[in-house]
Each structure stands twice: as C-alpha cells, then as structure tokens.
Amino acid sequence: MTPARAAYWCALTVVLLPAAALTVVRLVEPDLARAVQLQAFTPFGLPLYAVGLVLLLGGMLRGVAGQRLLAVPLVMAVAGLGLHGWWFAPLVTGPDPEPPTSGDEVVVLTSNLFAGRGDAAQLVEEASAARVDVLVVSEVTERAVLDMEAVGLADVFPYRAGRAGETVMGTMVFSREPIEVVETLDTLFDGLRVRTGDLDLLAVHPAPPTLFHDWGKDHRMILTAAQEPGVDLIAGDLNATLDHAPLRALVDAGYRDTAELANEGLAATWPVDGGFPLLSLLPPSVAIDHIMVATGWVVAATETVDIDGADHRAVLATVVSR
C-alpha cells in the first residue's frame, strides 16, 4: 500500500469510525454512562458523515481505491448522513407558529451557576436588562444569593422559592409575581414545581449521566411531574439533549424545546469557560440547558447568554400563551 493510500484510509477511518459510534449509541441507547455521554454529541455525526462522503467520492474519482472496496463505506456514509439529518432537521425546520396578538407573554431565564462560581451579580443584571419575569437558577449557593442581593435582586425579583445549597445542590426560582410551591421533587439535586402569576413551571436539575442510576431515576421523576395537569413549562439544566430518551419522552408528553420551536439549530450551552483552562479552547458543543413549553404556549424569541465564570450558557426565552 502506498503512503498516499495509507493516509487516505487513515483519514476515512478517523472520520467514519466516530460517526458510526454516534449512530450506534443513538439507535441502541445502551444502559451505560459513557454511552449516554457520547449520545449528547449525536448532531456531530452529520458533519462527520458529510466529510466522509466527500472523501469517498474524491477517492473514487482519483482512483485511490477500487469502487467495490469503497461501496460499503459509501452506503454507510449516505445512510448515516440521511439518518442524522433526519434527527437534526427539527432544530432548523420545526414548526414556529406566530405568537398570538393577545395572550400572556412571559420572559424566562434559566442559568447554571457552576456551584456558585458563575457571576451571580451579572446574572441579575442580564435578567433585569432582558425584563425577565421568572429566573430559574441551578447550582446556586448562599454566597451567590448574597451577591445577587447586593445588586438589587429583591428590586427585580421580590419573590423566591427553593433553596440555596452547597456546591451543585441548590435550585431556586425568582419571580416578579408571588410564588406558590406546588411540589418538591426528590431528585438528587433540588427540583420544584411552582405557580407564579399565570405560569405553572417545573424548575429542575437532574443528576448528570456520570451518575447513571440517579440520572435515569431523576428523569423519570421529572416526566411524572411533567405529566401532571396544568404544567406550562420546564426549565433548568436537564443534563440531557433532545437526542436522549428522557427528553424525547418529554416531547412525546407534549413539550417542545424553545430553541427547536424558534429554529435556532443546536443552541449549545456546554461547555464554556468556567475555570477550566482547557474549556476556554472549546466552543460549546452540547445543548443540555433547556426551556420546554407545553402545547398551550408558543415561542416569540430565544437565545443563549454567557455568564462569566459559569460553565454553562444561560437560556433566555420569551413565550406566549395561545
């Protein structure tokens, strides 16, 4: 084998092997923590298969390898490209109904403060500037709440529910309107269902997939709570993407991700630079923070917001009741 052919097959393997791994874990969904983590990167199968297809067609045209030898990887690349395109398509072509001319408009912001390391004061300032009605904060510590109070938290959000915790445990909801706690969720990290104004929402933060048993158990609790009558919205760091079974179950239960409804594409929220030098070299690559709405709501706008010191981007959405 010539060096050119060796380099060609090496490049083809480097592209198609990880693409195939992404396809397999998305289709099979093995009960393994590593597989669940890998599944979060499912959308990257699309560019990998596209590059593989270009390499294969180029190899055929240049005669680097025989057409028979390339037939199997060619079929694999075409099939993988179509399958991953099918999975990704709703993020850019999903229904985006126009918001009604009348109806309640609510601005929601959800943020993970990275065990209190995120700039809590900046979060309040961002929420105030965006005229946020409801703020959901996970991994909120007592120190973070003090920092928020120092910049006028109570002036923007006079009502609160939930509790601050140590490191990653705390989840809180802040609102311009009075809050009634309907239910607390017995997830590993705090979660709760509240009513505030005309909005009934779940503020959640399930365990990460590295704690695989807790991850599955927490998501089952969230699904059960979401299926209760009256819930309008789910917000928080869900530690899952729309390619994971728990979020697909929420979609089957009638919820839609605001980024999907607004055709925002991947809208990745993690990782960003939160104190780990290597993370600052990488762009956010997975969308694990979400605002999901029930069928009675549509999306007027959504975007991600960088919070200094946090390892997640916050998610901001304006939703309108039908």
Protein backbone atom coordinates (compact mmCIF):
# COMPACT_ATOMS: atom_id res chain seq x y z
CA MET A 1 0.00 0.00 0.00
CA THR A 2 1.39 3.39 -1.00
CA PRO A 3 1.75 6.17 1.59
CA ALA A 4 -1.00 8.12 -0.19
CA ARG A 5 -3.43 5.22 0.09
CA ALA A 6 -2.48 4.63 3.73
CA ALA A 7 -3.12 8.29 4.53
CA TYR A 8 -6.45 8.14 2.69
CA TRP A 9 -7.71 5.10 4.60
CA CYS A 10 -6.47 6.59 7.86
CA ALA A 11 -8.42 9.81 7.22
CA LEU A 12 -11.52 7.85 6.25
CA THR A 13 -11.31 5.78 9.44
CA VAL A 14 -10.80 8.85 11.64
CA VAL A 15 -13.97 10.41 10.20
CA LEU A 16 -16.32 7.44 9.81
CA LEU A 17 -15.49 5.45 12.95
CA PRO A 18 -16.63 8.12 15.45
CA ALA A 19 -19.61 8.90 13.21
CA ALA A 20 -20.64 5.25 13.33
CA ALA A 21 -20.20 5.20 17.11
CA LEU A 22 -22.56 8.20 17.42
CA THR A 23 -25.13 6.45 15.25
CA VAL A 24 -24.95 3.22 17.22
CA VAL A 25 -25.38 4.83 20.65
CA ARG A 26 -28.30 6.94 19.37
CA LEU A 27 -30.05 3.89 17.91
CA VAL A 28 -29.25 1.31 20.60
CA GLU A 29 -29.08 3.55 23.68
CA PRO A 30 -27.12 1.12 25.86
CA ASP A 31 -27.51 1.47 29.61
CA LEU A 32 -24.01 2.79 30.11
CA ALA A 33 -22.92 6.17 31.42
CA ARG A 34 -20.26 6.58 28.72
CA ALA A 35 -22.78 5.79 26.00
CA VAL A 36 -25.19 8.39 27.36
CA GLN A 37 -22.41 10.97 27.42
CA LEU A 38 -21.43 10.12 23.85
CA GLN A 39 -25.06 10.36 22.75
CA ALA A 40 -25.05 14.06 23.62
CA PHE A 41 -22.76 14.58 20.60
CA THR A 42 -25.16 12.94 18.12
CA PRO A 43 -25.51 16.10 15.95
CA PHE A 44 -21.81 15.93 15.12
CA GLY A 45 -22.46 12.76 13.16
CA LEU A 46 -23.91 14.98 10.44
CA PRO A 47 -20.67 16.84 9.53
CA LEU A 48 -18.59 13.70 10.08
CA TYR A 49 -20.63 11.71 7.56
CA ALA A 50 -20.61 14.67 5.17
CA VAL A 51 -16.80 14.81 5.28
CA GLY A 52 -16.65 11.05 4.90
CA LEU A 53 -18.88 11.21 1.83
CA VAL A 54 -16.64 13.85 0.25
CA LEU A 55 -13.56 11.71 0.94
CA LEU A 56 -15.24 8.65 -0.55
CA LEU A 57 -16.38 10.39 -3.71
CA GLY A 58 -12.96 12.00 -4.08
CA GLY A 59 -11.30 8.62 -3.63
CA MET A 60 -13.46 7.11 -6.34
CA LEU A 61 -12.73 9.93 -8.77
CA ARG A 62 -9.00 9.81 -8.11
CA GLY A 63 -8.85 6.03 -8.16
CA VAL A 64 -7.27 5.85 -4.71
CA ALA A 65 -9.19 2.64 -4.08
CA GLY A 66 -11.47 0.43 -6.13
CA GLN A 67 -15.17 1.20 -6.28
CA ARG A 68 -16.06 -2.20 -4.88
CA LEU A 69 -13.81 -1.62 -1.88
CA LEU A 70 -15.43 1.76 -1.23
CA ALA A 71 -19.01 0.58 -1.77
CA VAL A 72 -19.66 -0.43 1.86
CA PRO A 73 -18.33 2.77 3.48
CA LEU A 74 -20.16 4.77 0.80
CA VAL A 75 -23.51 3.18 1.69
CA MET A 76 -22.68 3.70 5.36
CA ALA A 77 -21.91 7.39 4.82
CA VAL A 78 -25.06 8.04 2.77
CA ALA A 79 -27.29 6.19 5.25
CA GLY A 80 -25.65 7.89 8.24
CA LEU A 81 -25.95 11.32 6.65
CA GLY A 82 -29.63 10.78 5.98
CA LEU A 83 -30.34 9.41 9.46
CA HIS A 84 -28.51 12.16 11.33
CA GLY A 85 -30.07 14.74 9.03
CA TRP A 86 -33.50 13.37 9.96
CA TRP A 87 -32.67 13.65 13.66
CA PHE A 88 -31.27 17.17 13.33
CA ALA A 89 -33.90 18.59 10.96
CA PRO A 90 -36.48 19.59 13.63
CA LEU A 91 -33.94 22.01 15.12
CA VAL A 92 -33.90 24.06 11.92
CA THR A 93 -37.22 23.24 10.27
CA GLY A 94 -39.53 22.65 13.22
CA PRO A 95 -42.90 24.42 13.41
CA ASP A 96 -42.57 28.01 14.50
CA PRO A 97 -46.13 29.35 14.83
CA GLU A 98 -46.51 33.09 15.04
CA PRO A 99 -47.22 34.29 18.59
CA PRO A 100 -50.85 35.31 19.05
CA THR A 101 -51.68 39.00 19.08
CA SER A 102 -53.22 38.51 22.51
CA GLY A 103 -52.11 36.24 25.31
CA ASP A 104 -49.81 36.27 28.29
CA GLU A 105 -46.16 36.95 27.41
CA VAL A 106 -43.61 35.63 29.87
CA VAL A 107 -39.82 36.03 29.71
CA VAL A 108 -37.93 33.17 31.35
CA LEU A 109 -34.18 32.84 32.00
CA THR A 110 -32.51 29.68 33.29
CA SER A 111 -28.87 29.52 34.36
CA ASN A 112 -26.46 27.06 35.96
CA LEU A 113 -24.02 28.96 38.19
CA PHE A 114 -21.37 26.22 38.30
CA ALA A 115 -21.52 25.57 42.05
CA GLY A 116 -21.75 29.30 42.71
CA ARG A 117 -18.64 30.17 40.66
CA GLY A 118 -20.65 31.98 37.98
CA ASP A 119 -21.05 35.75 38.23
CA ALA A 120 -24.33 35.93 40.16
CA ALA A 121 -24.39 39.73 40.04
CA GLN A 122 -24.08 39.67 36.25
CA LEU A 123 -26.94 37.18 36.10
CA VAL A 124 -29.25 39.62 37.90
CA GLU A 125 -28.12 42.44 35.62
CA GLU A 126 -28.75 40.33 32.50
CA ALA A 127 -32.17 39.33 33.82
CA SER A 128 -33.09 42.92 34.59
CA ALA A 129 -31.94 44.18 31.18
CA ALA A 130 -33.96 41.46 29.42
CA ARG A 131 -37.05 42.23 31.53
CA VAL A 132 -37.16 38.64 32.73
CA ASP A 133 -40.30 37.65 34.63
CA VAL A 134 -39.07 34.33 36.02
CA LEU A 135 -35.47 33.35 36.75
CA VAL A 136 -34.52 29.71 37.38
CA VAL A 137 -31.06 29.15 38.86
CA SER A 138 -29.36 25.82 39.47
CA GLU A 139 -26.15 25.21 41.41
CA VAL A 140 -26.94 28.34 43.40
CA THR A 141 -25.10 28.75 46.70
CA GLU A 142 -25.75 31.03 49.66
CA ARG A 143 -22.77 33.16 48.61
CA ALA A 144 -24.26 33.52 45.15
CA VAL A 145 -27.59 34.66 46.60
CA LEU A 146 -25.77 37.29 48.68
CA ASP A 147 -24.01 38.53 45.55
CA MET A 148 -27.36 38.72 43.78
CA GLU A 149 -28.90 40.64 46.65
CA ALA A 150 -26.02 43.11 46.61
CA VAL A 151 -27.03 44.28 43.11
CA GLY A 152 -30.73 44.66 43.81
CA LEU A 153 -32.17 41.15 43.44
CA ALA A 154 -35.21 41.99 45.55
CA ASP A 155 -35.97 45.06 43.44
CA VAL A 156 -36.17 42.95 40.28
CA PHE A 157 -37.47 39.70 41.77
CA PRO A 158 -39.21 40.28 45.12
CA TYR A 159 -40.40 36.66 45.35
CA ARG A 160 -38.38 33.47 45.58
CA ALA A 161 -38.75 29.74 46.17
CA GLY A 162 -36.41 26.80 46.58
CA ARG A 163 -33.17 26.91 48.47
CA ALA A 164 -29.50 27.62 48.03
CA GLY A 165 -27.24 24.66 48.62
CA GLU A 166 -23.65 23.61 48.86
CA THR A 167 -21.84 23.35 45.54
CA VAL A 168 -24.26 21.83 42.98
CA MET A 169 -27.26 21.06 45.19
CA GLY A 170 -29.26 24.31 45.20
CA THR A 171 -32.11 25.20 42.82
CA MET A 172 -34.12 28.40 43.17
CA VAL A 173 -36.86 30.27 41.33
CA PHE A 174 -37.05 34.08 41.43
CA SER A 175 -40.10 35.95 40.16
CA ARG A 176 -41.72 39.35 39.81
CA GLU A 177 -45.01 37.74 40.92
CA PRO A 178 -45.89 35.84 44.12
CA ILE A 179 -44.77 32.20 44.09
CA GLU A 180 -46.67 29.17 45.35
CA VAL A 181 -44.70 25.94 45.73
CA VAL A 182 -46.88 23.16 44.40
CA GLU A 183 -44.47 20.26 44.75
CA THR A 184 -40.85 19.48 45.53
CA LEU A 185 -39.11 16.77 43.54
CA ASP A 186 -37.00 14.19 45.31
CA THR A 187 -34.24 14.36 42.71
CA LEU A 188 -30.58 14.18 43.65
CA PHE A 189 -30.29 17.96 43.22
CA ASP A 190 -33.19 20.17 44.22
CA GLY A 191 -36.19 20.49 41.91
CA LEU A 192 -39.59 22.04 42.40
CA ARG A 193 -42.90 22.87 40.75
CA VAL A 194 -44.19 26.38 41.34
CA ARG A 195 -47.01 28.66 40.26
CA THR A 196 -46.18 32.30 39.73
CA GLY A 197 -48.53 34.71 38.03
CA ASP A 198 -50.29 32.68 35.34
CA LEU A 199 -47.32 30.34 34.87
CA ASP A 200 -47.02 26.82 36.26
CA LEU A 201 -43.45 25.62 35.89
CA LEU A 202 -41.02 22.89 36.81
CA ALA A 203 -37.55 24.08 37.83
CA VAL A 204 -35.29 21.04 37.55
CA HIS A 205 -31.69 19.91 37.67
CA PRO A 206 -31.36 16.13 37.36
CA ALA A 207 -28.15 14.30 38.10
CA PRO A 208 -25.52 14.15 35.33
CA PRO A 209 -25.17 10.93 33.31
CA THR A 210 -21.90 10.18 35.09
CA LEU A 211 -24.22 9.21 37.97
CA PHE A 212 -26.14 6.96 35.62
CA HIS A 213 -28.59 5.39 38.06
CA ASP A 214 -29.53 8.76 39.55
CA TRP A 215 -29.74 10.32 36.07
CA GLY A 216 -32.37 7.82 34.96
CA LYS A 217 -34.29 7.96 38.25
CA ASP A 218 -34.34 11.77 38.27
CA HIS A 219 -35.62 11.97 34.70
CA ARG A 220 -38.40 9.50 35.48
CA MET A 221 -39.48 11.77 38.37
CA ILE A 222 -39.40 14.81 36.10
CA LEU A 223 -41.51 13.05 33.47
CA THR A 224 -44.05 12.04 36.10
CA ALA A 225 -44.27 15.61 37.39
CA ALA A 226 -44.48 17.00 33.85
CA GLN A 227 -47.46 14.73 33.09
CA GLU A 228 -49.47 16.24 35.93
CA PRO A 229 -52.26 18.53 34.67
CA GLY A 230 -51.50 22.23 34.35
CA VAL A 231 -47.73 22.34 33.91
CA ASP A 232 -46.84 25.02 31.35
CA LEU A 233 -43.08 24.98 31.24
CA ILE A 234 -39.94 23.06 32.25
CA ALA A 235 -36.71 24.98 32.81
CA GLY A 236 -33.24 24.16 34.01
CA ASP A 237 -30.04 22.25 33.40
CA LEU A 238 -31.56 18.95 32.29
CA ASN A 239 -28.20 17.25 31.74
CA ALA A 240 -29.63 15.77 28.53
CA THR A 241 -30.10 16.74 24.90
CA LEU A 242 -33.06 16.19 22.61
CA ASP A 243 -31.28 13.05 21.38
CA HIS A 244 -31.58 11.41 24.80
CA ALA A 245 -34.56 9.20 25.60
CA PRO A 246 -35.72 11.22 28.67
CA LEU A 247 -36.15 14.41 26.64
CA ARG A 248 -37.76 12.53 23.79
CA ALA A 249 -40.21 11.22 26.40
CA LEU A 250 -41.00 14.82 27.39
CA VAL A 251 -41.57 15.62 23.70
CA ASP A 252 -43.94 12.65 23.50
CA ALA A 253 -45.72 14.06 26.56
CA GLY A 254 -46.41 17.29 24.64
CA TYR A 255 -43.44 19.54 25.46
CA ARG A 256 -41.25 21.27 22.89
CA ASP A 257 -37.87 22.88 23.31
CA THR A 258 -37.91 26.65 22.72
CA ALA A 259 -34.73 26.50 20.60
CA GLU A 260 -36.37 23.93 18.35
CA LEU A 261 -39.59 25.93 18.01
CA ALA A 262 -37.56 29.02 17.14
CA ASN A 263 -35.46 27.04 14.61
CA GLU A 264 -32.25 28.01 16.41
CA GLY A 265 -30.33 24.89 15.47
CA LEU A 266 -28.02 23.29 18.01
CA ALA A 267 -28.11 26.20 20.54
CA ALA A 268 -25.29 24.58 22.53
CA THR A 269 -24.93 25.57 26.17
CA TRP A 270 -21.99 23.47 27.47
CA PRO A 271 -19.07 23.54 27.98
CA VAL A 272 -17.92 27.12 28.27
CA ASP A 273 -15.02 28.51 30.26
CA GLY A 274 -15.88 28.08 33.91
CA GLY A 275 -12.48 27.97 35.49
CA PHE A 276 -11.04 25.06 33.49
CA PRO A 277 -8.39 26.44 31.11
CA LEU A 278 -8.94 23.72 28.51
CA LEU A 279 -12.66 24.50 28.28
CA SER A 280 -11.87 28.01 27.09
CA LEU A 281 -10.30 26.46 23.98
CA LEU A 282 -13.51 24.65 23.02
CA PRO A 283 -16.77 26.08 21.73
CA PRO A 284 -19.98 24.97 23.45
CA SER A 285 -20.91 21.69 21.82
CA VAL A 286 -23.98 20.20 23.51
CA ALA A 287 -27.40 21.63 24.39
CA ILE A 288 -28.20 20.39 27.89
CA ASP A 289 -29.89 23.51 29.31
CA HIS A 290 -33.48 23.90 28.21
CA ILE A 291 -36.72 25.78 28.42
CA MET A 292 -39.51 23.49 27.22
CA VAL A 293 -43.12 24.59 26.77
CA ALA A 294 -46.41 22.70 26.81
CA THR A 295 -48.81 22.76 23.87
CA GLY A 296 -50.62 25.86 25.12
CA TRP A 297 -47.57 28.07 24.56
CA VAL A 298 -45.58 29.36 21.59
CA VAL A 299 -42.14 30.95 21.39
CA ALA A 300 -41.60 34.56 20.42
CA ALA A 301 -37.80 34.58 20.86
CA THR A 302 -34.97 32.58 22.41
CA GLU A 303 -31.20 32.93 22.79
CA THR A 304 -28.28 31.80 24.91
CA VAL A 305 -26.47 34.17 27.27
CA ASP A 306 -22.88 33.96 28.51
CA ILE A 307 -22.40 34.34 32.27
CA ASP A 308 -18.82 34.99 33.38
CA GLY A 309 -17.35 32.15 35.42
CA ALA A 310 -20.16 29.69 34.64
CA ASP A 311 -19.51 26.53 32.65
CA HIS A 312 -22.96 26.71 31.04
CA ARG A 313 -24.59 29.33 28.89
CA ALA A 314 -27.91 30.54 30.23
CA VAL A 315 -31.06 30.15 28.13
CA LEU A 316 -33.43 33.09 27.65
CA ALA A 317 -36.87 32.66 26.07
CA THR A 318 -39.97 34.75 25.56
CA VAL A 319 -43.05 32.54 25.49
CA VAL A 320 -46.66 33.49 24.81
CA SER A 321 -49.82 31.65 25.79
CA ARG A 322 -52.22 30.78 22.99
